[in-house]
Amino acid sequence: MKSTTVNDSKTKHDWRWSLWQIWQGMTFSVWVHLLWRNRFAVSPIRWALAAFATLCSLSNSLLMLLSEALFARRAARTLVKPPIFIIGHWRTGTTLLHELLTLDDRHSYPSTYACLQPHHFVLTAWWGRLLWRWMLPARRAMDEMDNGPNRPQEDEFALCHLGLPSPYASLAFPRHRGDDQASLDLETLPPRQRQRWKKGLMWFLKRLTLMDSRRLVLKSPTHTARIKTLLELFPDAQFVHIVRDPFVVFSSSIHTWKTLRRAQSLQVSAEDDELEEYVFNNFETMYHAFDRDRHLIDPENFIEVRYEDLIGDMTVALRSIYDHLELGEFEAVCGKLKEFDARSRNYRTNRYEISADLRQRVYRRWRQHIDRWGYAPKSAGCVAEAKHAPVAAAIGS
């Protein structure tokens, strides 16, 4: 019997047969390198998708050359303001925070289109978004949230498409999983690769800023393990760290990785048994790095919030972030906050069954953080992703 199950009755969009896959945002050289590293082990059922990704990669390479010819010099002179980084493990509510902080007209963000087409979005955004509005599924695979080319997105997808070290690259070939932990905690990378990663991130952020000079709000769970590197680039960056009941986070993470594998993998694999250990290890690597480097952040530039507090009283929680980080007048976003709340009232989250044995293992592995954040172990039974339907519409990663 599986220790974790999910009620998938809501899932209406089968991403396994969608025309779109994230690998279609790579250039030809990055795409071929990904295939070569994994010995071209594409499952026969995914050959057509791989062939289409190859055609897309050739197009991306040509469009990148044209885009760089037109915009590279201007981008190089562009100054990036110290971003606001939203950090926290997958499924803790980072997407919700991203949606909320980008309601503010003083803030900008990387769109889904920019993150999926990082090489040439500066050139093609005006028409490419129309094409991708048709190609992208209307809902996210893991939680049925709204999906679209103009919505805020995590920049880790862009970094993966640029060929930089990223845990997301392993989604393509789950049976050939690489060193995800090294691409998560960049301090374990050779200096040359780490410097390449820093240059790649700045390359992308400069082009985002070229298109929109407002302050960027960036959200990627992976950045939780990269505090030192991010501060080397932006000493005055600010960080909002969100935590959530780790028992819910564990179950939701298992479901997310399974769903993403089915939707995005080029290598069909029925072996999901190692996912539990993968989630355990990711969390431990992430928070080992975070605890090691957290002291480097100026306390005035850091705030930690609980997901349960955020959905319990969104206005109070968001106001505390604005006040602590001195982000400006909070009243300017109150109207949009109310509209967001009204739009999300009918959203319903997944529900998970987690056994008593698995609860004990989660507590044993993550006890240090469970105790620190004040999440007492619960008895076995059904665990909902959120107790409040309103404002839960963006409870993504």
Protein backbone atom coordinates (compact mmCIF):
# COMPACT_ATOMS: atom_id res chain seq x y z
CA MET A 1 0.00 0.00 0.00
CA LYS A 2 1.31 3.45 -0.89
CA SER A 3 2.01 5.68 2.06
CA THR A 4 0.79 8.81 0.33
CA THR A 5 -2.22 9.16 -1.97
CA VAL A 6 -3.92 12.12 -3.55
CA ASN A 7 -7.43 12.83 -4.66
CA ASP A 8 -6.98 13.59 -8.38
CA SER A 9 -10.66 14.01 -9.16
CA LYS A 10 -10.10 17.66 -10.14
CA THR A 11 -7.50 16.94 -12.82
CA LYS A 12 -9.06 17.82 -16.18
CA HIS A 13 -6.00 18.49 -18.33
CA ASP A 14 -3.72 15.61 -19.29
CA TRP A 15 -0.36 17.28 -19.78
CA ARG A 16 1.20 14.02 -20.99
CA TRP A 17 -0.36 14.67 -24.40
CA SER A 18 -0.02 18.44 -24.43
CA LEU A 19 1.88 19.95 -27.34
CA TRP A 20 3.87 22.05 -24.90
CA GLN A 21 6.90 20.94 -22.88
CA ILE A 22 9.39 23.08 -20.99
CA TRP A 23 12.32 21.79 -23.07
CA GLN A 24 11.04 23.75 -26.05
CA GLY A 25 12.61 26.91 -24.60
CA MET A 26 16.20 25.73 -25.07
CA THR A 27 18.60 26.65 -27.83
CA PHE A 28 19.98 23.88 -30.02
CA SER A 29 23.31 23.70 -28.17
CA VAL A 30 21.66 23.51 -24.72
CA TRP A 31 19.12 20.95 -25.95
CA VAL A 32 21.74 18.69 -27.54
CA HIS A 33 23.90 18.92 -24.42
CA LEU A 34 20.95 17.79 -22.30
CA LEU A 35 20.34 14.83 -24.63
CA TRP A 36 24.04 13.93 -24.80
CA ARG A 37 24.47 14.00 -21.01
CA ASN A 38 21.62 11.51 -20.77
CA ARG A 39 22.78 9.30 -23.66
CA PHE A 40 19.80 10.33 -25.84
CA ALA A 41 17.63 7.93 -23.79
CA VAL A 42 14.28 9.31 -24.96
CA SER A 43 11.46 6.80 -24.61
CA PRO A 44 9.83 5.88 -27.97
CA ILE A 45 6.47 7.30 -26.87
CA ARG A 46 8.17 10.70 -26.48
CA TRP A 47 10.14 10.73 -29.76
CA ALA A 48 7.65 13.06 -31.45
CA LEU A 49 7.89 15.55 -28.56
CA ALA A 50 11.69 15.36 -28.68
CA ALA A 51 11.63 15.98 -32.43
CA PHE A 52 9.39 19.00 -31.95
CA ALA A 53 11.68 20.29 -29.19
CA THR A 54 14.60 19.99 -31.62
CA LEU A 55 12.79 22.13 -34.19
CA CYS A 56 11.97 24.67 -31.47
CA SER A 57 15.60 24.73 -30.35
CA LEU A 58 16.76 25.62 -33.86
CA SER A 59 14.20 28.43 -33.98
CA ASN A 60 15.28 29.63 -30.53
CA SER A 61 18.92 29.73 -31.62
CA LEU A 62 18.14 31.90 -34.63
CA LEU A 63 15.86 34.22 -32.67
CA MET A 64 18.49 34.57 -29.94
CA LEU A 65 21.09 35.68 -32.46
CA LEU A 66 18.72 38.31 -33.81
CA SER A 67 17.62 39.44 -30.36
CA GLU A 68 21.19 39.79 -29.10
CA ALA A 69 22.22 41.70 -32.21
CA LEU A 70 19.47 44.22 -31.48
CA PHE A 71 19.47 44.41 -27.68
CA ALA A 72 22.72 43.04 -26.20
CA ARG A 73 24.46 46.42 -25.87
CA ARG A 74 21.47 48.10 -24.28
CA ALA A 75 21.01 45.19 -21.91
CA ALA A 76 24.67 45.28 -20.88
CA ARG A 77 24.26 48.92 -19.79
CA THR A 78 21.06 48.19 -17.85
CA LEU A 79 21.25 48.38 -14.05
CA VAL A 80 19.20 45.84 -12.09
CA LYS A 81 17.71 47.10 -8.84
CA PRO A 82 18.20 44.81 -5.81
CA PRO A 83 15.33 42.33 -6.15
CA ILE A 84 12.92 41.00 -3.56
CA PHE A 85 13.48 37.24 -3.35
CA ILE A 86 10.61 34.99 -2.23
CA ILE A 87 12.13 31.80 -0.85
CA GLY A 88 10.89 28.62 0.78
CA HIS A 89 10.54 24.94 -0.07
CA TRP A 90 8.27 23.84 -2.90
CA ARG A 91 4.57 23.84 -1.96
CA THR A 92 4.94 26.26 0.94
CA GLY A 93 3.01 29.09 -0.72
CA THR A 94 5.78 30.89 -2.59
CA THR A 95 3.51 31.23 -5.63
CA LEU A 96 0.82 32.84 -3.52
CA LEU A 97 3.31 35.36 -2.15
CA HIS A 98 4.59 36.05 -5.66
CA GLU A 99 1.08 36.75 -6.90
CA LEU A 100 0.39 39.05 -3.94
CA LEU A 101 3.60 41.10 -4.05
CA THR A 102 3.29 41.59 -7.80
CA LEU A 103 -0.17 43.11 -7.41
CA ASP A 104 1.81 46.24 -6.52
CA ASP A 105 2.33 48.48 -9.55
CA ARG A 106 5.74 49.41 -8.15
CA HIS A 107 6.96 45.86 -8.71
CA SER A 108 7.81 43.84 -11.79
CA TYR A 109 8.27 40.09 -12.29
CA PRO A 110 9.46 37.53 -14.84
CA SER A 111 6.46 36.35 -16.82
CA THR A 112 5.86 32.75 -17.78
CA TYR A 113 6.70 33.60 -21.38
CA ALA A 114 10.01 35.23 -20.41
CA CYS A 115 10.98 32.22 -18.28
CA LEU A 116 10.04 29.72 -20.98
CA GLN A 117 11.71 31.69 -23.79
CA PRO A 118 14.60 33.46 -22.03
CA HIS A 119 16.88 33.64 -25.05
CA HIS A 120 14.70 35.95 -27.12
CA PHE A 121 11.69 37.15 -25.09
CA VAL A 122 12.87 40.75 -25.44
CA LEU A 123 12.41 40.45 -29.20
CA THR A 124 9.38 38.18 -29.42
CA ALA A 125 7.23 39.00 -26.39
CA TRP A 126 4.67 41.01 -28.33
CA TRP A 127 3.68 38.12 -30.62
CA GLY A 128 5.15 35.11 -28.82
CA ARG A 129 2.76 35.47 -25.92
CA LEU A 130 -0.17 35.09 -28.31
CA LEU A 131 1.26 31.83 -29.64
CA TRP A 132 2.03 30.48 -26.17
CA ARG A 133 -1.43 31.41 -24.95
CA TRP A 134 -2.64 28.76 -27.38
CA MET A 135 0.10 26.21 -26.62
CA LEU A 136 0.09 26.37 -22.82
CA PRO A 137 -2.51 24.28 -20.96
CA ALA A 138 -5.06 26.49 -19.24
CA ARG A 139 -4.27 24.97 -15.83
CA ARG A 140 -1.12 23.94 -14.02
CA ALA A 141 -0.62 20.19 -13.93
CA MET A 142 -0.02 19.80 -10.20
CA ASP A 143 -2.83 21.91 -8.73
CA GLU A 144 -5.24 23.10 -11.47
CA MET A 145 -4.26 26.73 -10.95
CA ASP A 146 -4.67 29.21 -13.78
CA ASN A 147 -1.79 29.17 -16.23
CA GLY A 148 -0.82 31.70 -18.88
CA PRO A 149 2.12 33.44 -20.60
CA ASN A 150 1.69 36.73 -18.71
CA ARG A 151 1.45 35.33 -15.19
CA PRO A 152 4.34 35.60 -12.70
CA GLN A 153 6.72 32.66 -12.98
CA GLU A 154 9.77 31.33 -11.19
CA ASP A 155 13.05 32.25 -12.82
CA GLU A 156 14.51 28.76 -12.24
CA PHE A 157 12.85 27.68 -15.50
CA ALA A 158 14.74 30.38 -17.36
CA LEU A 159 18.04 29.34 -15.77
CA CYS A 160 17.39 25.73 -16.77
CA HIS A 161 16.66 26.77 -20.35
CA LEU A 162 19.87 28.79 -20.43
CA GLY A 163 21.79 25.60 -19.69
CA LEU A 164 22.80 26.64 -16.16
CA PRO A 165 22.98 24.12 -13.29
CA SER A 166 19.40 23.46 -12.21
CA PRO A 167 17.55 20.62 -10.45
CA TYR A 168 14.79 20.99 -13.04
CA ALA A 169 16.98 19.51 -15.78
CA SER A 170 16.55 16.10 -14.13
CA LEU A 171 12.82 16.16 -14.94
CA ALA A 172 13.67 15.27 -18.53
CA PHE A 173 15.39 11.99 -17.64
CA PRO A 174 14.31 10.83 -14.17
CA ARG A 175 16.15 7.51 -14.51
CA HIS A 176 19.41 9.37 -15.14
CA ARG A 177 19.06 11.87 -12.32
CA GLY A 178 22.21 13.96 -12.08
CA ASP A 179 23.71 15.77 -9.12
CA ASP A 180 20.64 17.78 -8.19
CA GLN A 181 22.06 18.66 -4.81
CA ALA A 182 25.05 20.43 -6.38
CA SER A 183 22.79 22.50 -8.62
CA LEU A 184 20.67 23.38 -5.61
CA ASP A 185 23.47 24.41 -3.23
CA LEU A 186 25.79 26.31 -5.56
CA GLU A 187 28.57 26.42 -2.96
CA THR A 188 29.30 22.79 -3.84
CA LEU A 189 29.92 23.61 -7.51
CA PRO A 190 33.40 24.25 -8.94
CA PRO A 191 34.17 28.01 -8.91
CA ARG A 192 34.02 28.25 -12.69
CA GLN A 193 30.52 26.75 -12.86
CA ARG A 194 29.32 28.90 -10.00
CA GLN A 195 30.60 32.04 -11.74
CA ARG A 196 28.86 30.94 -14.95
CA TRP A 197 25.61 30.58 -13.01
CA LYS A 198 25.93 34.11 -11.60
CA LYS A 199 26.58 35.56 -15.05
CA GLY A 200 23.62 33.68 -16.48
CA LEU A 201 21.24 34.99 -13.83
CA MET A 202 22.44 38.57 -14.36
CA TRP A 203 22.11 38.13 -18.13
CA PHE A 204 18.45 37.21 -17.70
CA LEU A 205 17.64 39.89 -15.10
CA LYS A 206 19.22 42.63 -17.21
CA ARG A 207 16.91 41.76 -20.08
CA LEU A 208 13.89 41.68 -17.80
CA THR A 209 14.85 45.12 -16.50
CA LEU A 210 15.45 46.39 -20.03
CA MET A 211 11.78 45.67 -20.75
CA ASP A 212 10.48 46.93 -17.39
CA SER A 213 12.62 49.08 -15.09
CA ARG A 214 10.53 48.52 -11.95
CA ARG A 215 11.94 46.52 -9.06
CA LEU A 216 11.81 42.78 -9.67
CA VAL A 217 10.11 40.32 -7.35
CA LEU A 218 11.68 36.91 -7.96
CA LYS A 219 10.32 33.60 -6.73
CA SER A 220 12.15 30.28 -6.89
CA PRO A 221 12.22 27.67 -4.13
CA THR A 222 15.71 26.75 -5.30
CA HIS A 223 17.04 30.17 -4.26
CA THR A 224 16.46 29.17 -0.62
CA ALA A 225 19.79 27.30 -0.85
CA ARG A 226 21.60 30.12 -2.68
CA ILE A 227 21.64 32.99 -0.20
CA LYS A 228 25.40 33.58 -0.31
CA THR A 229 25.53 33.63 -4.10
CA LEU A 230 22.54 35.96 -4.39
CA LEU A 231 24.03 38.37 -1.85
CA GLU A 232 27.27 38.45 -3.81
CA LEU A 233 25.26 39.72 -6.75
CA PHE A 234 22.87 41.94 -4.74
CA PRO A 235 24.13 42.88 -1.26
CA ASP A 236 20.97 44.95 -0.65
CA ALA A 237 18.51 42.30 -1.82
CA GLN A 238 15.54 41.57 0.42
CA PHE A 239 14.17 38.13 1.29
CA VAL A 240 10.73 36.89 2.28
CA HIS A 241 10.91 33.32 3.59
CA ILE A 242 7.66 31.39 3.86
CA VAL A 243 7.24 28.19 5.89
CA ARG A 244 4.36 25.75 6.06
CA ASP A 245 3.34 22.58 7.86
CA PRO A 246 6.12 20.18 6.73
CA PHE A 247 3.77 17.17 6.74
CA VAL A 248 1.59 18.86 4.15
CA VAL A 249 4.65 20.09 2.27
CA PHE A 250 6.03 16.55 2.03
CA SER A 251 2.83 15.01 0.65
CA SER A 252 2.23 17.89 -1.76
CA SER A 253 5.82 17.74 -2.99
CA ILE A 254 5.53 14.03 -3.77
CA HIS A 255 2.39 14.73 -5.79
CA THR A 256 4.03 17.66 -7.59
CA TRP A 257 7.12 15.75 -8.70
CA LYS A 258 5.03 12.79 -9.85
CA THR A 259 2.78 15.08 -11.87
CA LEU A 260 5.69 16.98 -13.42
CA ARG A 261 7.37 13.73 -14.40
CA ARG A 262 4.25 12.54 -16.18
CA ALA A 263 3.88 15.89 -17.91
CA GLN A 264 7.47 16.77 -18.77
CA SER A 265 9.66 13.68 -18.74
CA LEU A 266 11.21 12.49 -21.99
CA GLN A 267 11.94 9.16 -20.35
CA VAL A 268 8.91 7.19 -19.20
CA SER A 269 9.50 5.69 -15.79
CA ALA A 270 7.07 3.90 -13.51
CA GLU A 271 9.58 3.98 -10.67
CA ASP A 272 8.42 6.56 -8.14
CA ASP A 273 9.68 4.77 -5.05
CA GLU A 274 12.79 6.95 -4.84
CA LEU A 275 10.72 10.14 -4.81
CA GLU A 276 10.25 10.04 -1.05
CA GLU A 277 14.00 9.99 -0.51
CA TYR A 278 14.41 12.66 -3.19
CA VAL A 279 12.03 14.99 -1.35
CA PHE A 280 13.72 14.27 1.97
CA ASN A 281 17.16 15.01 0.51
CA ASN A 282 16.08 18.17 -1.30
CA PHE A 283 14.62 19.62 1.88
CA GLU A 284 17.68 18.73 3.92
CA THR A 285 20.12 20.10 1.35
CA MET A 286 18.09 23.27 0.96
CA TYR A 287 17.85 24.04 4.66
CA HIS A 288 21.41 23.03 5.45
CA ALA A 289 22.54 25.71 2.98
CA PHE A 290 19.92 28.18 4.22
CA ASP A 291 20.88 27.77 7.87
CA ARG A 292 24.57 28.04 6.96
CA ASP A 293 24.17 31.36 5.13
CA ARG A 294 21.12 32.99 6.68
CA HIS A 295 23.28 35.11 9.00
CA LEU A 296 24.69 36.91 5.95
CA ILE A 297 21.35 38.67 5.38
CA ASP A 298 20.87 42.02 7.08
CA PRO A 299 17.98 41.41 9.54
CA GLU A 300 16.26 44.51 8.17
CA ASN A 301 16.16 42.84 4.75
CA PHE A 302 14.69 39.54 5.91
CA ILE A 303 11.27 38.47 7.15
CA GLU A 304 9.79 35.03 7.74
CA VAL A 305 6.06 34.35 7.45
CA ARG A 306 3.89 31.30 8.01
CA TYR A 307 1.62 30.12 5.23
CA GLU A 308 -1.17 29.48 7.71
CA ASP A 309 -0.97 33.09 8.91
CA LEU A 310 -0.98 34.33 5.32
CA ILE A 311 -4.21 32.55 4.37
CA GLY A 312 -5.70 33.24 7.80
CA ASP A 313 -5.48 37.02 7.39
CA MET A 314 -3.83 37.97 4.14
CA THR A 315 -4.01 41.71 4.76
CA VAL A 316 -2.33 41.55 8.15
CA ALA A 317 0.42 39.22 6.94
CA LEU A 318 1.16 41.25 3.83
CA ARG A 319 1.16 44.51 5.77
CA SER A 320 3.79 43.05 8.13
CA ILE A 321 6.00 42.34 5.12
CA TYR A 322 5.57 45.86 3.78
CA ASP A 323 6.29 47.41 7.17
CA HIS A 324 9.37 45.34 7.96
CA LEU A 325 10.97 45.66 4.52
CA GLU A 326 9.77 49.25 4.09
CA LEU A 327 8.28 48.54 0.67
CA GLY A 328 6.22 51.71 0.61
CA GLU A 329 2.61 52.62 1.20
CA PHE A 330 0.60 49.44 1.74
CA GLU A 331 -2.77 51.10 1.15
CA ALA A 332 -1.86 51.42 -2.53
CA VAL A 333 -2.40 47.67 -2.98
CA CYS A 334 -5.38 47.11 -0.67
CA GLY A 335 -7.95 47.42 -3.45
CA LYS A 336 -6.18 44.88 -5.63
CA LEU A 337 -5.79 42.61 -2.65
CA LYS A 338 -9.56 42.55 -2.15
CA GLU A 339 -10.09 41.79 -5.85
CA PHE A 340 -7.59 38.93 -5.66
CA ASP A 341 -9.36 37.50 -2.63
CA ALA A 342 -12.73 37.66 -4.40
CA ARG A 343 -11.36 35.88 -7.51
CA SER A 344 -9.94 33.01 -5.48
CA ARG A 345 -12.90 32.21 -3.25
CA ASN A 346 -14.09 29.14 -5.15
CA TYR A 347 -10.72 27.44 -5.43
CA ARG A 348 -10.45 24.00 -3.79
CA THR A 349 -7.16 22.33 -2.98
CA ASN A 350 -5.95 18.73 -3.24
CA ARG A 351 -6.29 16.50 -0.20
CA TYR A 352 -3.75 13.89 0.87
CA GLU A 353 -3.74 10.72 2.96
CA ILE A 354 -0.53 10.20 4.92
CA SER A 355 0.10 7.15 7.06
CA ALA A 356 1.22 7.23 10.67
CA ASP A 357 4.47 5.52 9.67
CA LEU A 358 5.25 8.17 7.08
CA ARG A 359 4.44 10.93 9.56
CA GLN A 360 6.97 9.44 11.93
CA ARG A 361 9.61 9.31 9.20
CA VAL A 362 8.95 12.92 8.19
CA TYR A 363 9.23 14.01 11.80
CA ARG A 364 12.40 12.00 12.32
CA ARG A 365 14.08 13.46 9.21
CA TRP A 366 12.87 17.05 9.56
CA ARG A 367 12.40 17.33 13.32
CA GLN A 368 14.82 20.22 13.72
CA HIS A 369 12.75 22.44 11.44
CA ILE A 370 9.34 21.13 12.50
CA ASP A 371 10.14 22.00 16.11
CA ARG A 372 11.73 25.34 15.23
CA TRP A 373 8.73 26.48 13.20
CA GLY A 374 6.20 25.22 15.76
CA TYR A 375 4.46 22.47 13.75
CA ALA A 376 3.54 19.67 16.14
CA PRO A 377 3.14 16.15 14.69
CA LYS A 378 -0.45 15.20 13.93
CA SER A 379 -2.13 11.84 13.94
CA ALA A 380 -2.47 9.91 10.71
CA GLY A 381 -5.33 10.82 8.46
CA CYS A 382 -6.43 13.20 5.77
CA VAL A 383 -4.40 16.36 5.32
CA ALA A 384 -5.72 19.26 3.26
CA GLU A 385 -3.38 21.62 1.46
CA ALA A 386 -5.23 24.57 2.97
CA LYS A 387 -7.98 25.06 5.50
CA HIS A 388 -9.27 28.23 3.87
CA ALA A 389 -10.59 28.14 0.33
CA PRO A 390 -10.38 31.93 -0.18
CA VAL A 391 -6.91 33.20 -1.02
CA ALA A 392 -5.76 29.64 -1.61
CA ALA A 393 -5.97 30.01 -5.38
CA ALA A 394 -2.25 30.55 -5.66
CA ILE A 395 -0.90 28.01 -3.26
CA GLY A 396 1.59 26.73 -5.78
CA SER A 397 5.19 25.88 -5.20
